Amino acid sequence: MGLMQDLSPEIQCEIAIDIIIKASELIDRDYSKIIQEVAEFNPKDFKRWYDKNPSIHVAIEALKDLDDIQRETIIKEYYEKILNSSEIKIEGIDE
């Protein structure tokens, strides 16, 4: 998730919302309740880089609610998009 820190805020939000939706499907949690968490979010209560954006905060918290297999499934689904959106170049990989 640290790679998301270097992405533009728009891409961060897009990926975070996708993760929230996917996580809510996997844990059979009502998506509207997750959206309410975003609305009630107070960034002053937290100190981490992703806590400044309620969507990213809720996405990461949603990942914590998953078991290891579910979490790995979501991360595998979105890591390529995160890497492709990142300005970090990985040595040995041609574009």
C-alpha atoms as a PDB file:
ATOM      1  CA  MET A   1       0.000   0.000   0.000  1.00  0.00           C
ATOM      2  CA  GLY A   2       3.011   2.233   0.379  1.00  0.00           C
ATOM      3  CA  LEU A   3       3.216   2.517  -3.405  1.00  0.00           C
ATOM      4  CA  MET A   4      -0.167   4.232  -3.400  1.00  0.00           C
ATOM      5  CA  GLN A   5       1.359   7.123  -1.480  1.00  0.00           C
ATOM      6  CA  ASP A   6       3.181   8.291  -4.609  1.00  0.00           C
ATOM      7  CA  LEU A   7       0.085   8.212  -6.840  1.00  0.00           C
ATOM      8  CA  SER A   8      -2.005  11.238  -7.705  1.00  0.00           C
ATOM      9  CA  PRO A   9      -4.942  11.835  -5.334  1.00  0.00           C
ATOM     10  CA  GLU A  10      -7.401  11.005  -8.124  1.00  0.00           C
ATOM     11  CA  ILE A  11      -5.841   7.604  -8.804  1.00  0.00           C
ATOM     12  CA  GLN A  12      -5.530   6.919  -5.068  1.00  0.00           C
ATOM     13  CA  CYS A  13      -9.264   7.526  -4.634  1.00  0.00           C
ATOM     14  CA  GLU A  14     -10.180   5.450  -7.675  1.00  0.00           C
ATOM     15  CA  ILE A  15      -8.194   2.454  -6.444  1.00  0.00           C
ATOM     16  CA  ALA A  16      -9.383   2.911  -2.856  1.00  0.00           C
ATOM     17  CA  ILE A  17     -13.034   2.892  -3.886  1.00  0.00           C
ATOM     18  CA  ASP A  18     -12.478  -0.217  -6.017  1.00  0.00           C
ATOM     19  CA  ILE A  19     -10.851  -1.922  -3.020  1.00  0.00           C
ATOM     20  CA  ILE A  20     -13.724  -0.894  -0.720  1.00  0.00           C
ATOM     21  CA  ILE A  21     -16.294  -2.322  -3.134  1.00  0.00           C
ATOM     22  CA  LYS A  22     -14.377  -5.571  -3.631  1.00  0.00           C
ATOM     23  CA  ALA A  23     -13.729  -5.998   0.107  1.00  0.00           C
ATOM     24  CA  SER A  24     -17.392  -5.398   0.929  1.00  0.00           C
ATOM     25  CA  GLU A  25     -18.338  -8.127  -1.556  1.00  0.00           C
ATOM     26  CA  LEU A  26     -15.874 -10.603  -0.048  1.00  0.00           C
ATOM     27  CA  ILE A  27     -16.969 -10.060   3.538  1.00  0.00           C
ATOM     28  CA  ASP A  28     -20.635  -9.661   2.625  1.00  0.00           C
ATOM     29  CA  ARG A  29     -20.760  -6.246   4.248  1.00  0.00           C
ATOM     30  CA  ASP A  30     -23.267  -3.623   3.268  1.00  0.00           C
ATOM     31  CA  TYR A  31     -21.517  -1.112   1.031  1.00  0.00           C
ATOM     32  CA  SER A  32     -23.721   1.732   2.335  1.00  0.00           C
ATOM     33  CA  LYS A  33     -22.352   1.182   5.855  1.00  0.00           C
ATOM     34  CA  ILE A  34     -18.829   1.527   4.529  1.00  0.00           C
ATOM     35  CA  ILE A  35     -19.785   4.758   2.768  1.00  0.00           C
ATOM     36  CA  GLN A  36     -21.198   6.024   6.056  1.00  0.00           C
ATOM     37  CA  GLU A  37     -17.808   5.315   7.675  1.00  0.00           C
ATOM     38  CA  VAL A  38     -16.212   7.524   5.035  1.00  0.00           C
ATOM     39  CA  ALA A  39     -18.714  10.297   5.764  1.00  0.00           C
ATOM     40  CA  GLU A  40     -18.081  10.103   9.519  1.00  0.00           C
ATOM     41  CA  PHE A  41     -14.302   9.974   9.125  1.00  0.00           C
ATOM     42  CA  ASN A  42     -12.330  12.595  11.037  1.00  0.00           C
ATOM     43  CA  PRO A  43      -8.723  12.822   9.771  1.00  0.00           C
ATOM     44  CA  LYS A  44      -7.615  14.636  12.929  1.00  0.00           C
ATOM     45  CA  ASP A  45      -7.994  11.317  14.758  1.00  0.00           C
ATOM     46  CA  PHE A  46      -5.211   9.648  12.740  1.00  0.00           C
ATOM     47  CA  LYS A  47      -1.577  10.306  11.832  1.00  0.00           C
ATOM     48  CA  ARG A  48      -0.645   7.942   8.956  1.00  0.00           C
ATOM     49  CA  TRP A  49      -0.207   9.230   5.370  1.00  0.00           C
ATOM     50  CA  TYR A  50      -3.357   7.500   4.145  1.00  0.00           C
ATOM     51  CA  ASP A  51      -5.485   8.844   6.984  1.00  0.00           C
ATOM     52  CA  LYS A  52      -5.671  12.221   5.252  1.00  0.00           C
ATOM     53  CA  ASN A  53      -7.974  10.730   2.629  1.00  0.00           C
ATOM     54  CA  PRO A  54     -11.077   9.002   4.028  1.00  0.00           C
ATOM     55  CA  SER A  55     -11.447   6.699   1.013  1.00  0.00           C
ATOM     56  CA  ILE A  56      -7.909   5.365   1.344  1.00  0.00           C
ATOM     57  CA  HIS A  57      -8.247   5.054   5.103  1.00  0.00           C
ATOM     58  CA  VAL A  58     -11.463   3.038   4.815  1.00  0.00           C
ATOM     59  CA  ALA A  59      -9.991   0.880   2.018  1.00  0.00           C
ATOM     60  CA  ILE A  60      -6.992  -0.049   4.136  1.00  0.00           C
ATOM     61  CA  GLU A  61      -9.181  -0.689   7.171  1.00  0.00           C
ATOM     62  CA  ALA A  62     -11.437  -2.870   4.978  1.00  0.00           C
ATOM     63  CA  LEU A  63      -8.397  -4.903   3.946  1.00  0.00           C
ATOM     64  CA  LYS A  64      -7.664  -5.504   7.630  1.00  0.00           C
ATOM     65  CA  ASP A  65     -11.139  -7.060   8.000  1.00  0.00           C
ATOM     66  CA  LEU A  66     -10.326  -9.732   5.412  1.00  0.00           C
ATOM     67  CA  ASP A  67      -8.622 -13.041   5.980  1.00  0.00           C
ATOM     68  CA  ASP A  68      -5.192 -13.590   4.434  1.00  0.00           C
ATOM     69  CA  ILE A  69      -6.505 -15.247   1.266  1.00  0.00           C
ATOM     70  CA  GLN A  70      -9.119 -12.548   0.628  1.00  0.00           C
ATOM     71  CA  ARG A  71      -6.567  -9.786   1.259  1.00  0.00           C
ATOM     72  CA  GLU A  72      -4.072 -11.414  -1.107  1.00  0.00           C
ATOM     73  CA  THR A  73      -6.777 -11.744  -3.785  1.00  0.00           C
ATOM     74  CA  ILE A  74      -7.545  -8.016  -3.680  1.00  0.00           C
ATOM     75  CA  ILE A  75      -3.923  -6.954  -3.545  1.00  0.00           C
ATOM     76  CA  LYS A  76      -3.081  -9.134  -6.547  1.00  0.00           C
ATOM     77  CA  GLU A  77      -6.020  -7.650  -8.412  1.00  0.00           C
ATOM     78  CA  TYR A  78      -4.884  -4.042  -7.914  1.00  0.00           C
ATOM     79  CA  TYR A  79      -1.091  -4.164  -7.587  1.00  0.00           C
ATOM     80  CA  GLU A  80      -0.553  -4.018 -11.347  1.00  0.00           C
ATOM     81  CA  LYS A  81      -2.751  -0.941 -11.634  1.00  0.00           C
ATOM     82  CA  ILE A  82      -0.867   0.668  -8.756  1.00  0.00           C
ATOM     83  CA  LEU A  83       2.511  -0.133 -10.323  1.00  0.00           C
ATOM     84  CA  ASN A  84       1.408   1.055 -13.766  1.00  0.00           C
ATOM     85  CA  SER A  85       0.151   4.310 -12.270  1.00  0.00           C
ATOM     86  CA  SER A  86       3.272   4.840 -10.211  1.00  0.00           C
ATOM     87  CA  GLU A  87       6.106   6.991 -11.418  1.00  0.00           C
ATOM     88  CA  ILE A  88       8.572   4.648  -9.739  1.00  0.00           C
ATOM     89  CA  LYS A  89      10.536   2.714 -12.336  1.00  0.00           C
ATOM     90  CA  ILE A  90      11.565  -0.800 -11.442  1.00  0.00           C
ATOM     91  CA  GLU A  91      15.055  -1.680 -12.587  1.00  0.00           C
ATOM     92  CA  GLY A  92      15.151  -4.326 -15.303  1.00  0.00           C
ATOM     93  CA  ILE A  93      11.587  -3.836 -16.497  1.00  0.00           C
ATOM     94  CA  ASP A  94      11.172  -2.394 -19.964  1.00  0.00           C
ATOM     95  CA  GLU A  95       8.202  -0.249 -20.816  1.00  0.00           C
END
